[in-house]
């Protein structure tokens, strides 16, 4: 193949020279150098920075859970006169679902308050 016609491939001797130079550059191991006063400079810069204040995040989850608990309790008392202990009664089924919801919300609130107090 003639190199004059094909402009994309370099001549063979130039390709061998480039390959040798590339191999030599890749085999050369760099020597990292750390200045002697590096740790002292980092320590002075770290001490100069003000400490970040922790921002109190609003806890909407607990508030929403308490409101949901209150609404579920109101619905339980509203359905109480109509709930006959029969699984075919829609009022009784709704009361069972609301009792389950109240139990779950109570468990969730107690779990989050315990984890918040251990922090």
PDB file of N, CA and C in Angstrom:
ATOM      1  N   UNK A   1       0.855  -1.164   0.000  1.00  0.00           N
ATOM      2  CA  UNK A   1       0.000   0.000   0.000  1.00  0.00           C
ATOM      3  C   UNK A   1       0.903   1.229   0.000  1.00  0.00           C
ATOM      4  N   UNK A   2       0.539   2.172  -0.786  1.00  0.00           N
ATOM      5  CA  UNK A   2       1.337   3.371  -0.941  1.00  0.00           C
ATOM      6  C   UNK A   2       0.853   4.424   0.050  1.00  0.00           C
ATOM      7  N   UNK A   3       1.786   5.031   0.812  1.00  0.00           N
ATOM      8  CA  UNK A   3       1.418   6.034   1.803  1.00  0.00           C
ATOM      9  C   UNK A   3       1.004   7.352   1.170  1.00  0.00           C
ATOM     10  N   UNK A   4       1.396   7.575  -0.025  1.00  0.00           N
ATOM     11  CA  UNK A   4       1.008   8.824  -0.682  1.00  0.00           C
ATOM     12  C   UNK A   4      -0.493   8.836  -0.978  1.00  0.00           C
ATOM     13  N   UNK A   5      -1.029   7.654  -1.245  1.00  0.00           N
ATOM     14  CA  UNK A   5      -2.461   7.579  -1.534  1.00  0.00           C
ATOM     15  C   UNK A   5      -3.298   7.562  -0.246  1.00  0.00           C
ATOM     16  N   UNK A   6      -2.769   6.952   0.794  1.00  0.00           N
ATOM     17  CA  UNK A   6      -3.511   6.814   2.035  1.00  0.00           C
ATOM     18  C   UNK A   6      -2.941   7.804   3.049  1.00  0.00           C
ATOM     19  N   UNK A   7      -3.672   8.855   3.326  1.00  0.00           N
ATOM     20  CA  UNK A   7      -3.175   9.908   4.205  1.00  0.00           C
ATOM     21  C   UNK A   7      -3.501   9.635   5.676  1.00  0.00           C
ATOM     22  N   UNK A   8      -4.280   8.579   5.969  1.00  0.00           N
ATOM     23  CA  UNK A   8      -4.688   8.308   7.335  1.00  0.00           C
ATOM     24  C   UNK A   8      -3.648   7.519   8.123  1.00  0.00           C
ATOM     25  N   UNK A   9      -2.849   6.700   7.500  1.00  0.00           N
ATOM     26  CA  UNK A   9      -1.855   5.898   8.217  1.00  0.00           C
ATOM     27  C   UNK A   9      -0.484   6.531   8.067  1.00  0.00           C
ATOM     28  N   UNK A  10       0.250   6.661   9.185  1.00  0.00           N
ATOM     29  CA  UNK A  10       1.589   7.233   9.097  1.00  0.00           C
ATOM     30  C   UNK A  10       2.557   6.224   8.474  1.00  0.00           C
ATOM     31  N   UNK A  11       3.708   6.673   8.030  1.00  0.00           N
ATOM     32  CA  UNK A  11       4.708   5.733   7.500  1.00  0.00           C
ATOM     33  C   UNK A  11       5.130   4.747   8.589  1.00  0.00           C
ATOM     34  N   UNK A  12       5.626   3.575   8.185  1.00  0.00           N
ATOM     35  CA  UNK A  12       5.939   2.513   9.137  1.00  0.00           C
ATOM     36  C   UNK A  12       7.009   2.934  10.141  1.00  0.00           C
ATOM     37  N   UNK A  13       8.048   3.610   9.692  1.00  0.00           N
ATOM     38  CA  UNK A  13       9.114   3.974  10.618  1.00  0.00           C
ATOM     39  C   UNK A  13       8.648   5.048  11.605  1.00  0.00           C
ATOM     40  N   UNK A  14       7.791   5.961  11.167  1.00  0.00           N
ATOM     41  CA  UNK A  14       7.240   6.974  12.066  1.00  0.00           C
ATOM     42  C   UNK A  14       6.302   6.335  13.081  1.00  0.00           C
ATOM     43  N   UNK A  15       5.511   5.353  12.657  1.00  0.00           N
ATOM     44  CA  UNK A  15       4.608   4.646  13.566  1.00  0.00           C
ATOM     45  C   UNK A  15       5.411   3.889  14.620  1.00  0.00           C
ATOM     46  N   UNK A  16       6.529   3.281  14.228  1.00  0.00           N
ATOM     47  CA  UNK A  16       7.364   2.557  15.183  1.00  0.00           C
ATOM     48  C   UNK A  16       7.994   3.526  16.184  1.00  0.00           C
ATOM     49  N   UNK A  17       8.402   4.699  15.720  1.00  0.00           N
ATOM     50  CA  UNK A  17       8.982   5.700  16.614  1.00  0.00           C
ATOM     51  C   UNK A  17       7.924   6.214  17.605  1.00  0.00           C
ATOM     52  N   UNK A  18       6.733   6.488  17.097  1.00  0.00           N
ATOM     53  CA  UNK A  18       5.657   6.952  17.981  1.00  0.00           C
ATOM     54  C   UNK A  18       5.290   5.889  19.015  1.00  0.00           C
ATOM     55  N   UNK A  19       5.256   4.624  18.575  1.00  0.00           N
ATOM     56  CA  UNK A  19       4.942   3.527  19.479  1.00  0.00           C
ATOM     57  C   UNK A  19       6.010   3.397  20.564  1.00  0.00           C
ATOM     58  N   UNK A  20       7.271   3.527  20.199  1.00  0.00           N
ATOM     59  CA  UNK A  20       8.364   3.428  21.166  1.00  0.00           C
ATOM     60  C   UNK A  20       8.316   4.588  22.158  1.00  0.00           C
ATOM     61  N   UNK A  21       8.037   5.795  21.669  1.00  0.00           N
ATOM     62  CA  UNK A  21       7.956   6.951  22.561  1.00  0.00           C
ATOM     63  C   UNK A  21       6.767   6.830  23.522  1.00  0.00           C
ATOM     64  N   UNK A  22       5.648   6.339  23.004  1.00  0.00           N
ATOM     65  CA  UNK A  22       4.461   6.156  23.832  1.00  0.00           C
ATOM     66  C   UNK A  22       4.704   5.096  24.899  1.00  0.00           C
ATOM     67  N   UNK A  23       5.329   3.985  24.529  1.00  0.00           N
ATOM     68  CA  UNK A  23       5.635   2.925  25.485  1.00  0.00           C
ATOM     69  C   UNK A  23       6.589   3.429  26.563  1.00  0.00           C
ATOM     70  N   UNK A  24       7.598   4.194  26.165  1.00  0.00           N
ATOM     71  CA  UNK A  24       8.545   4.742  27.147  1.00  0.00           C
ATOM     72  C   UNK A  24       7.847   5.711  28.099  1.00  0.00           C
ATOM     73  N   UNK A  25       6.950   6.520  27.585  1.00  0.00           N
ATOM     74  CA  UNK A  25       6.236   7.469  28.435  1.00  0.00           C
ATOM     75  C   UNK A  25       5.312   6.750  29.413  1.00  0.00           C
ATOM     76  N   UNK A  26       4.679   5.659  28.972  1.00  0.00           N
ATOM     77  CA  UNK A  26       3.781   4.918  29.850  1.00  0.00           C
ATOM     78  C   UNK A  26       4.538   4.109  30.897  1.00  0.00           C
ATOM     79  N   UNK A  27       5.736   3.665  30.593  1.00  0.00           N
ATOM     80  CA  UNK A  27       6.514   2.878  31.541  1.00  0.00           C
ATOM     81  C   UNK A  27       7.221   3.741  32.576  1.00  0.00           C
ATOM     82  N   UNK A  28       7.306   5.025  32.363  1.00  0.00           N
ATOM     83  CA  UNK A  28       7.985   5.912  33.294  1.00  0.00           C
ATOM     84  C   UNK A  28       7.068   6.160  34.497  1.00  0.00           C
ATOM     85  N   UNK A  29       7.565   5.822  35.685  1.00  0.00           N
ATOM     86  CA  UNK A  29       6.760   5.947  36.903  1.00  0.00           C
ATOM     87  C   UNK A  29       6.974   7.333  37.499  1.00  0.00           C
ATOM     88  N   UNK A  30       5.889   8.088  37.758  1.00  0.00           N
ATOM     89  CA  UNK A  30       6.066   9.420  38.334  1.00  0.00           C
ATOM     90  C   UNK A  30       6.455   9.329  39.814  1.00  0.00           C
ATOM     91  N   UNK A  31       7.210  10.290  40.258  1.00  0.00           N
ATOM     92  CA  UNK A  31       7.623  10.383  41.655  1.00  0.00           C
ATOM     93  C   UNK A  31       6.805  11.489  42.325  1.00  0.00           C
ATOM     94  N   UNK A  32       5.802  11.136  43.145  1.00  0.00           N
ATOM     95  CA  UNK A  32       5.024  12.181  43.809  1.00  0.00           C
ATOM     96  C   UNK A  32       5.857  12.847  44.899  1.00  0.00           C
ATOM     97  N   UNK A  33       5.736  14.148  44.981  1.00  0.00           N
ATOM     98  CA  UNK A  33       6.462  14.901  46.002  1.00  0.00           C
ATOM     99  C   UNK A  33       5.460  15.730  46.791  1.00  0.00           C
ATOM    100  N   UNK A  34       5.495  15.565  48.109  1.00  0.00           N
ATOM    101  CA  UNK A  34       4.610  16.297  49.001  1.00  0.00           C
ATOM    102  C   UNK A  34       5.455  17.305  49.768  1.00  0.00           C
ATOM    103  N   UNK A  35       5.076  18.571  49.736  1.00  0.00           N
ATOM    104  CA  UNK A  35       5.860  19.566  50.475  1.00  0.00           C
ATOM    105  C   UNK A  35       5.864  19.254  51.980  1.00  0.00           C
ATOM    106  N   UNK A  36       6.917  19.653  52.647  1.00  0.00           N
ATOM    107  CA  UNK A  36       7.070  19.355  54.077  1.00  0.00           C
ATOM    108  C   UNK A  36       6.022  20.075  54.911  1.00  0.00           C
ATOM    109  N   UNK A  37       5.607  21.250  54.517  1.00  0.00           N
ATOM    110  CA  UNK A  37       4.640  22.022  55.307  1.00  0.00           C
ATOM    111  C   UNK A  37       3.199  21.821  54.839  1.00  0.00           C
ATOM    112  N   UNK A  38       2.935  20.772  54.097  1.00  0.00           N
ATOM    113  CA  UNK A  38       1.601  20.545  53.557  1.00  0.00           C
ATOM    114  C   UNK A  38       0.570  20.341  54.674  1.00  0.00           C
ATOM    115  N   UNK A  39       0.880  19.497  55.655  1.00  0.00           N
ATOM    116  CA  UNK A  39      -0.058  19.216  56.738  1.00  0.00           C
ATOM    117  C   UNK A  39      -0.335  20.474  57.556  1.00  0.00           C
ATOM    118  N   UNK A  40       0.689  21.274  57.776  1.00  0.00           N
ATOM    119  CA  UNK A  40       0.504  22.504  58.549  1.00  0.00           C
ATOM    120  C   UNK A  40      -0.383  23.489  57.795  1.00  0.00           C
ATOM    121  N   UNK A  41      -0.202  23.588  56.483  1.00  0.00           N
ATOM    122  CA  UNK A  41      -1.042  24.496  55.691  1.00  0.00           C
ATOM    123  C   UNK A  41      -2.494  24.050  55.702  1.00  0.00           C
ATOM    124  N   UNK A  42      -2.720  22.750  55.574  1.00  0.00           N
ATOM    125  CA  UNK A  42      -4.096  22.240  55.601  1.00  0.00           C
ATOM    126  C   UNK A  42      -4.730  22.490  56.965  1.00  0.00           C
ATOM    127  N   UNK A  43      -3.973  22.284  58.041  1.00  0.00           N
ATOM    128  CA  UNK A  43      -4.506  22.490  59.386  1.00  0.00           C
ATOM    129  C   UNK A  43      -4.852  23.955  59.629  1.00  0.00           C
ATOM    130  N   UNK A  44      -4.033  24.873  59.148  1.00  0.00           N
ATOM    131  CA  UNK A  44      -4.348  26.288  59.353  1.00  0.00           C
ATOM    132  C   UNK A  44      -5.563  26.705  58.542  1.00  0.00           C
ATOM    133  N   UNK A  45      -5.709  26.181  57.354  1.00  0.00           N
ATOM    134  CA  UNK A  45      -6.893  26.516  56.550  1.00  0.00           C
ATOM    135  C   UNK A  45      -8.157  25.929  57.160  1.00  0.00           C
ATOM    136  N   UNK A  46      -8.060  24.726  57.713  1.00  0.00           N
ATOM    137  CA  UNK A  46      -9.234  24.101  58.327  1.00  0.00           C
ATOM    138  C   UNK A  46      -9.645  24.843  59.594  1.00  0.00           C
ATOM    139  N   UNK A  47      -8.682  25.321  60.352  1.00  0.00           N
ATOM    140  CA  UNK A  47      -9.002  26.045  61.575  1.00  0.00           C
ATOM    141  C   UNK A  47      -9.572  27.423  61.269  1.00  0.00           C
ATOM    142  N   UNK A  48      -9.206  27.991  60.138  1.00  0.00           N
ATOM    143  CA  UNK A  48      -9.674  29.335  59.789  1.00  0.00           C
ATOM    144  C   UNK A  48     -11.131  29.336  59.340  1.00  0.00           C
ATOM    145  N   UNK A  49     -11.653  28.209  58.920  1.00  0.00           N
ATOM    146  CA  UNK A  49     -13.037  28.161  58.442  1.00  0.00           C
ATOM    147  C   UNK A  49     -13.997  28.095  59.626  1.00  0.00           C
ATOM    148  N   UNK A  50     -15.081  28.856  59.586  1.00  0.00           N
ATOM    149  CA  UNK A  50     -16.053  28.793  60.682  1.00  0.00           C
ATOM    150  C   UNK A  50     -16.830  27.477  60.622  1.00  0.00           C
ATOM    151  N   UNK A  51     -17.249  27.035  61.796  1.00  0.00           N
ATOM    152  CA  UNK A  51     -18.035  25.810  61.847  1.00  0.00           C
ATOM    153  C   UNK A  51     -19.432  26.076  61.307  1.00  0.00           C
ATOM    154  N   UNK A  52     -19.946  25.114  60.581  1.00  0.00           N
ATOM    155  CA  UNK A  52     -21.282  25.259  60.016  1.00  0.00           C
ATOM    156  C   UNK A  52     -22.322  24.987  61.083  1.00  0.00           C
ATOM    157  N   UNK A  53     -23.319  25.844  61.123  1.00  0.00           N
ATOM    158  CA  UNK A  53     -24.425  25.650  62.058  1.00  0.00           C
ATOM    159  C   UNK A  53     -25.364  24.589  61.514  1.00  0.00           C
ATOM    160  N   UNK A  54     -25.841  23.749  62.393  1.00  0.00           N
ATOM    161  CA  UNK A  54     -26.819  22.749  61.976  1.00  0.00           C
ATOM    162  C   UNK A  54     -28.192  23.390  61.944  1.00  0.00           C
ATOM    163  N   UNK A  55     -28.848  23.210  60.847  1.00  0.00           N
ATOM    164  CA  UNK A  55     -30.170  23.798  60.672  1.00  0.00           C
ATOM    165  C   UNK A  55     -31.224  22.806  61.148  1.00  0.00           C
ATOM    166  N   UNK A  56     -32.159  23.294  61.923  1.00  0.00           N
ATOM    167  CA  UNK A  56     -33.257  22.439  62.361  1.00  0.00           C
ATOM    168  C   UNK A  56     -34.221  22.224  61.209  1.00  0.00           C
ATOM    169  N   UNK A  57     -34.389  20.969  60.849  1.00  0.00           N
ATOM    170  CA  UNK A  57     -35.308  20.648  59.769  1.00  0.00           C
ATOM    171  C   UNK A  57     -36.715  20.487  60.334  1.00  0.00           C
ATOM    172  N   UNK A  58     -37.700  20.996  59.641  1.00  0.00           N
ATOM    173  CA  UNK A  58     -39.072  20.819  60.139  1.00  0.00           C
ATOM    174  C   UNK A  58     -39.474  19.350  60.062  1.00  0.00           C
ATOM    175  N   UNK A  59     -40.220  18.911  61.042  1.00  0.00           N
ATOM    176  CA  UNK A  59     -40.656  17.521  61.095  1.00  0.00           C
ATOM    177  C   UNK A  59     -42.150  17.472  60.769  1.00  0.00           C
ATOM    178  N   UNK A  60     -42.441  17.480  59.491  1.00  0.00           N
ATOM    179  CA  UNK A  60     -43.832  17.451  59.057  1.00  0.00           C
ATOM    180  C   UNK A  60     -44.435  16.066  59.204  1.00  0.00           C
ATOM    181  N   UNK A  61     -43.610  15.029  59.137  1.00  0.00           N
ATOM    182  CA  UNK A  61     -44.125  13.665  59.216  1.00  0.00           C
ATOM    183  C   UNK A  61     -44.852  13.398  60.514  1.00  0.00           C
ATOM    184  N   UNK A  62     -44.258  13.828  61.617  1.00  0.00           N
ATOM    185  CA  UNK A  62     -44.899  13.607  62.923  1.00  0.00           C
ATOM    186  C   UNK A  62     -46.190  14.397  63.044  1.00  0.00           C
ATOM    187  N   UNK A  63     -46.191  15.627  62.540  1.00  0.00           N
ATOM    188  CA  UNK A  63     -47.416  16.438  62.607  1.00  0.00           C
ATOM    189  C   UNK A  63     -48.527  15.821  61.767  1.00  0.00           C
ATOM    190  N   UNK A  64     -48.189  15.371  60.567  1.00  0.00           N
ATOM    191  CA  UNK A  64     -49.189  14.755  59.695  1.00  0.00           C
ATOM    192  C   UNK A  64     -49.709  13.458  60.316  1.00  0.00           C
ATOM    193  N   UNK A  65     -48.811  12.688  60.947  1.00  0.00           N
ATOM    194  CA  UNK A  65     -49.242  11.445  61.590  1.00  0.00           C
ATOM    195  C   UNK A  65     -50.195  11.726  62.743  1.00  0.00           C
ATOM    196  N   UNK A  66     -49.907  12.745  63.520  1.00  0.00           N
ATOM    197  CA  UNK A  66     -50.804  13.074  64.628  1.00  0.00           C
ATOM    198  C   UNK A  66     -52.166  13.544  64.131  1.00  0.00           C
ATOM    199  N   UNK A  67     -52.197  14.342  63.082  1.00  0.00           N
ATOM    200  CA  UNK A  67     -53.468  14.789  62.508  1.00  0.00           C
ATOM    201  C   UNK A  67     -54.232  13.592  61.943  1.00  0.00           C
ATOM    202  N   UNK A  68     -53.524  12.679  61.274  1.00  0.00           N
ATOM    203  CA  UNK A  68     -54.180  11.483  60.730  1.00  0.00           C
ATOM    204  C   UNK A  68     -54.733  10.618  61.845  1.00  0.00           C
ATOM    205  N   UNK A  69     -53.983  10.523  62.949  1.00  0.00           N
ATOM    206  CA  UNK A  69     -54.444   9.750  64.089  1.00  0.00           C
ATOM    207  C   UNK A  69     -55.724  10.358  64.668  1.00  0.00           C
ATOM    208  N   UNK A  70     -55.757  11.654  64.763  1.00  0.00           N
ATOM    209  CA  UNK A  70     -56.938  12.350  65.279  1.00  0.00           C
ATOM    210  C   UNK A  70     -58.143  12.135  64.354  1.00  0.00           C
ATOM    211  N   UNK A  71     -57.934  12.272  63.031  1.00  0.00           N
ATOM    212  CA  UNK A  71     -59.030  12.066  62.080  1.00  0.00           C
ATOM    213  C   UNK A  71     -59.540  10.625  62.110  1.00  0.00           C
ATOM    214  N   UNK A  72     -58.620   9.661  62.233  1.00  0.00           N
ATOM    215  CA  UNK A  72     -59.042   8.260  62.295  1.00  0.00           C
ATOM    216  C   UNK A  72     -59.833   7.988  63.568  1.00  0.00           C
ATOM    217  N   UNK A  73     -59.426   8.586  64.690  1.00  0.00           N
ATOM    218  CA  UNK A  73     -60.173   8.398  65.944  1.00  0.00           C
ATOM    219  C   UNK A  73     -61.563   9.006  65.843  1.00  0.00           C
ATOM    220  N   UNK A  74     -61.683  10.176  65.223  1.00  0.00           N
ATOM    221  CA  UNK A  74     -63.003  10.804  65.035  1.00  0.00           C
ATOM    222  C   UNK A  74     -63.885   9.923  64.157  1.00  0.00           C
ATOM    223  N   UNK A  75     -63.312   9.378  63.087  1.00  0.00           N
ATOM    224  CA  UNK A  75     -64.092   8.501  62.198  1.00  0.00           C
ATOM    225  C   UNK A  75     -64.514   7.230  62.939  1.00  0.00           C
ATOM    226  N   UNK A  76     -63.656   6.710  63.817  1.00  0.00           N
ATOM    227  CA  UNK A  76     -64.033   5.527  64.596  1.00  0.00           C
ATOM    228  C   UNK A  76     -65.231   5.810  65.491  1.00  0.00           C
ATOM    229  N   UNK A  77     -65.218   6.941  66.171  1.00  0.00           N
ATOM    230  CA  UNK A  77     -66.340   7.291  67.046  1.00  0.00           C
ATOM    231  C   UNK A  77     -67.598   7.599  66.237  1.00  0.00           C
ATOM    232  N   UNK A  78     -67.442   8.151  65.035  1.00  0.00           N
ATOM    233  CA  UNK A  78     -68.621   8.443  64.210  1.00  0.00           C
ATOM    234  C   UNK A  78     -69.263   7.157  63.696  1.00  0.00           C
ATOM    235  N   UNK A  79     -68.434   6.141  63.412  1.00  0.00           N
ATOM    236  CA  UNK A  79     -68.976   4.881  62.892  1.00  0.00           C
ATOM    237  C   UNK A  79     -69.438   3.927  63.992  1.00  0.00           C
ATOM    238  N   UNK A  80     -69.104   4.217  65.222  1.00  0.00           N
ATOM    239  CA  UNK A  80     -69.368   3.276  66.325  1.00  0.00           C
ATOM    240  C   UNK A  80     -70.836   2.867  66.460  1.00  0.00           C
ATOM    241  N   UNK A  81     -71.820   3.765  66.369  1.00  0.00           N
ATOM    242  CA  UNK A  81     -73.214   3.313  66.548  1.00  0.00           C
ATOM    243  C   UNK A  81     -73.707   2.401  65.426  1.00  0.00           C
ATOM    244  N   UNK A  82     -73.081   2.464  64.259  1.00  0.00           N
ATOM    245  CA  UNK A  82     -73.582   1.708  63.111  1.00  0.00           C
ATOM    246  C   UNK A  82     -72.810   0.418  62.868  1.00  0.00           C
ATOM    247  N   UNK A  83     -71.745   0.187  63.617  1.00  0.00           N
ATOM    248  CA  UNK A  83     -70.879  -0.956  63.349  1.00  0.00           C
ATOM    249  C   UNK A  83     -71.319  -2.169  64.154  1.00  0.00           C
ATOM    250  N   UNK A  84     -71.991  -3.059  63.487  1.00  0.00           N
ATOM    251  CA  UNK A  84     -72.359  -4.327  64.119  1.00  0.00           C
ATOM    252  C   UNK A  84     -71.234  -5.319  63.830  1.00  0.00           C
ATOM    253  N   UNK A  85     -70.884  -6.163  64.789  1.00  0.00           N
ATOM    254  CA  UNK A  85     -69.764  -7.079  64.555  1.00  0.00           C
ATOM    255  C   UNK A  85     -70.095  -8.159  63.529  1.00  0.00           C
ATOM    256  N   UNK A  86     -70.107  -7.765  62.294  1.00  0.00           N
ATOM    257  CA  UNK A  86     -70.418  -8.648  61.185  1.00  0.00           C
ATOM    258  C   UNK A  86     -69.480  -8.266  60.042  1.00  0.00           C
ATOM    259  N   UNK A  87     -68.815  -9.241  59.474  1.00  0.00           N
ATOM    260  CA  UNK A  87     -67.848  -8.933  58.416  1.00  0.00           C
ATOM    261  C   UNK A  87     -68.503  -8.464  57.126  1.00  0.00           C
ATOM    262  N   UNK A  88     -69.813  -8.609  57.014  1.00  0.00           N
ATOM    263  CA  UNK A  88     -70.506  -8.135  55.813  1.00  0.00           C
ATOM    264  C   UNK A  88     -70.974  -6.697  55.967  1.00  0.00           C
ATOM    265  N   UNK A  89     -70.795  -6.133  57.137  1.00  0.00           N
ATOM    266  CA  UNK A  89     -71.203  -4.759  57.388  1.00  0.00           C
ATOM    267  C   UNK A  89     -70.067  -3.819  56.969  1.00  0.00           C
ATOM    268  N   UNK A  90     -70.397  -2.850  56.129  1.00  0.00           N
ATOM    269  CA  UNK A  90     -69.392  -1.913  55.644  1.00  0.00           C
ATOM    270  C   UNK A  90     -68.860  -1.034  56.776  1.00  0.00           C
ATOM    271  N   UNK A  91     -69.693  -0.673  57.713  1.00  0.00           N
ATOM    272  CA  UNK A  91     -69.255   0.141  58.851  1.00  0.00           C
ATOM    273  C   UNK A  91     -68.258  -0.623  59.718  1.00  0.00           C
ATOM    274  N   UNK A  92     -68.536  -1.899  59.943  1.00  0.00           N
ATOM    275  CA  UNK A  92     -67.630  -2.710  60.755  1.00  0.00           C
ATOM    276  C   UNK A  92     -66.294  -2.898  60.048  1.00  0.00           C
ATOM    277  N   UNK A  93     -66.326  -3.123  58.727  1.00  0.00           N
ATOM    278  CA  UNK A  93     -65.090  -3.260  57.954  1.00  0.00           C
ATOM    279  C   UNK A  93     -64.288  -1.960  57.971  1.00  0.00           C
ATOM    280  N   UNK A  94     -64.986  -0.843  57.880  1.00  0.00           N
ATOM    281  CA  UNK A  94     -64.291   0.454  57.932  1.00  0.00           C
ATOM    282  C   UNK A  94     -63.667   0.664  59.302  1.00  0.00           C
ATOM    283  N   UNK A  95     -64.358   0.241  60.352  1.00  0.00           N
ATOM    284  CA  UNK A  95     -63.785   0.376  61.693  1.00  0.00           C
ATOM    285  C   UNK A  95     -62.545  -0.490  61.852  1.00  0.00           C
ATOM    286  N   UNK A  96     -62.558  -1.693  61.311  1.00  0.00           N
ATOM    287  CA  UNK A  96     -61.363  -2.542  61.378  1.00  0.00           C
ATOM    288  C   UNK A  96     -60.192  -1.900  60.633  1.00  0.00           C
ATOM    289  N   UNK A  97     -60.478  -1.333  59.470  1.00  0.00           N
ATOM    290  CA  UNK A  97     -59.415  -0.671  58.711  1.00  0.00           C
ATOM    291  C   UNK A  97     -58.881   0.539  59.470  1.00  0.00           C
ATOM    292  N   UNK A  98     -59.772   1.309  60.088  1.00  0.00           N
ATOM    293  CA  UNK A  98     -59.340   2.481  60.852  1.00  0.00           C
ATOM    294  C   UNK A  98     -58.561   2.072  62.102  1.00  0.00           C
ATOM    295  N   UNK A  99     -58.951   1.000  62.759  1.00  0.00           N
ATOM    296  CA  UNK A  99     -58.188   0.515  63.916  1.00  0.00           C
ATOM    297  C   UNK A  99     -56.783   0.077  63.504  1.00  0.00           C
ATOM    298  N   UNK A 100     -56.690  -0.575  62.364  1.00  0.00           N
ATOM    299  CA  UNK A 100     -55.383  -0.968  61.856  1.00  0.00           C
ATOM    300  C   UNK A 100     -54.538   0.267  61.549  1.00  0.00           C
ATOM    301  N   UNK A 101     -55.159   1.261  60.949  1.00  0.00           N
ATOM    302  CA  UNK A 101     -54.450   2.504  60.632  1.00  0.00           C
ATOM    303  C   UNK A 101     -53.982   3.210  61.905  1.00  0.00           C
ATOM    304  N   UNK A 102     -54.834   3.265  62.923  1.00  0.00           N
ATOM    305  CA  UNK A 102     -54.450   3.893  64.195  1.00  0.00           C
ATOM    306  C   UNK A 102     -53.275   3.146  64.823  1.00  0.00           C
ATOM    307  N   UNK A 103     -53.329   1.814  64.795  1.00  0.00           N
ATOM    308  CA  UNK A 103     -52.229   1.025  65.360  1.00  0.00           C
ATOM    309  C   UNK A 103     -50.929   1.271  64.602  1.00  0.00           C
ATOM    310  N   UNK A 104     -51.001   1.325  63.281  1.00  0.00           N
ATOM    311  CA  UNK A 104     -49.802   1.559  62.484  1.00  0.00           C
ATOM    312  C   UNK A 104     -49.245   2.962  62.724  1.00  0.00           C
ATOM    313  N   UNK A 105     -50.111   3.963  62.771  1.00  0.00           N
ATOM    314  CA  UNK A 105     -49.647   5.337  63.018  1.00  0.00           C
ATOM    315  C   UNK A 105     -49.018   5.435  64.405  1.00  0.00           C
ATOM    316  N   UNK A 106     -49.630   4.815  65.402  1.00  0.00           N
ATOM    317  CA  UNK A 106     -49.044   4.815  66.747  1.00  0.00           C
ATOM    318  C   UNK A 106     -47.692   4.147  66.775  1.00  0.00           C
ATOM    319  N   UNK A 107     -47.558   3.022  66.078  1.00  0.00           N
ATOM    320  CA  UNK A 107     -46.255   2.349  65.994  1.00  0.00           C
ATOM    321  C   UNK A 107     -45.235   3.247  65.326  1.00  0.00           C
ATOM    322  N   UNK A 108     -45.617   3.916  64.228  1.00  0.00           N
ATOM    323  CA  UNK A 108     -44.680   4.772  63.500  1.00  0.00           C
ATOM    324  C   UNK A 108     -44.240   5.967  64.351  1.00  0.00           C
ATOM    325  N   UNK A 109     -45.178   6.584  65.059  1.00  0.00           N
ATOM    326  CA  UNK A 109     -44.826   7.725  65.909  1.00  0.00           C
ATOM    327  C   UNK A 109     -43.892   7.278  67.027  1.00  0.00           C
ATOM    328  N   UNK A 110     -44.167   6.143  67.651  1.00  0.00           N
ATOM    329  CA  UNK A 110     -43.288   5.683  68.732  1.00  0.00           C
ATOM    330  C   UNK A 110     -41.908   5.325  68.203  1.00  0.00           C
ATOM    331  N   UNK A 111     -41.839   4.754  67.019  1.00  0.00           N
ATOM    332  CA  UNK A 111     -40.543   4.391  66.434  1.00  0.00           C
ATOM    333  C   UNK A 111     -39.722   5.629  66.107  1.00  0.00           C
ATOM    334  N   UNK A 112     -40.359   6.651  65.526  1.00  0.00           N
ATOM    335  CA  UNK A 112     -39.612   7.862  65.172  1.00  0.00           C
ATOM    336  C   UNK A 112     -39.230   8.664  66.396  1.00  0.00           C
ATOM    337  N   UNK A 113     -40.058   8.667  67.427  1.00  0.00           N
ATOM    338  CA  UNK A 113     -39.688   9.422  68.630  1.00  0.00           C
ATOM    339  C   UNK A 113     -38.566   8.734  69.373  1.00  0.00           C
ATOM    340  N   UNK A 114     -38.511   7.409  69.358  1.00  0.00           N
ATOM    341  CA  UNK A 114     -37.406   6.682  70.002  1.00  0.00           C
ATOM    342  C   UNK A 114     -36.112   6.939  69.252  1.00  0.00           C
ATOM    343  N   UNK A 115     -36.152   6.890  67.908  1.00  0.00           N
ATOM    344  CA  UNK A 115     -34.922   7.117  67.138  1.00  0.00           C
ATOM    345  C   UNK A 115     -34.460   8.556  67.269  1.00  0.00           C
ATOM    346  N   UNK A 116     -35.384   9.497  67.445  1.00  0.00           N
ATOM    347  CA  UNK A 116     -35.017  10.899  67.606  1.00  0.00           C
ATOM    348  C   UNK A 116     -34.369  11.135  68.979  1.00  0.00           C
ATOM    349  N   UNK A 117     -34.823  10.401  70.000  1.00  0.00           N
ATOM    350  CA  UNK A 117     -34.280  10.605  71.347  1.00  0.00           C
ATOM    351  C   UNK A 117     -32.903   9.963  71.502  1.00  0.00           C
ATOM    352  N   UNK A 118     -32.557   8.980  70.666  1.00  0.00           N
ATOM    353  CA  UNK A 118     -31.238   8.338  70.768  1.00  0.00           C
ATOM    354  C   UNK A 118     -30.173   9.094  70.008  1.00  0.00           C
ATOM    355  N   UNK A 119     -30.507  10.109  69.253  1.00  0.00           N
ATOM    356  CA  UNK A 119     -29.513  10.862  68.492  1.00  0.00           C
ATOM    357  C   UNK A 119     -28.673  11.717  69.390  1.00  0.00           C
TER     358      UNK A 119
END
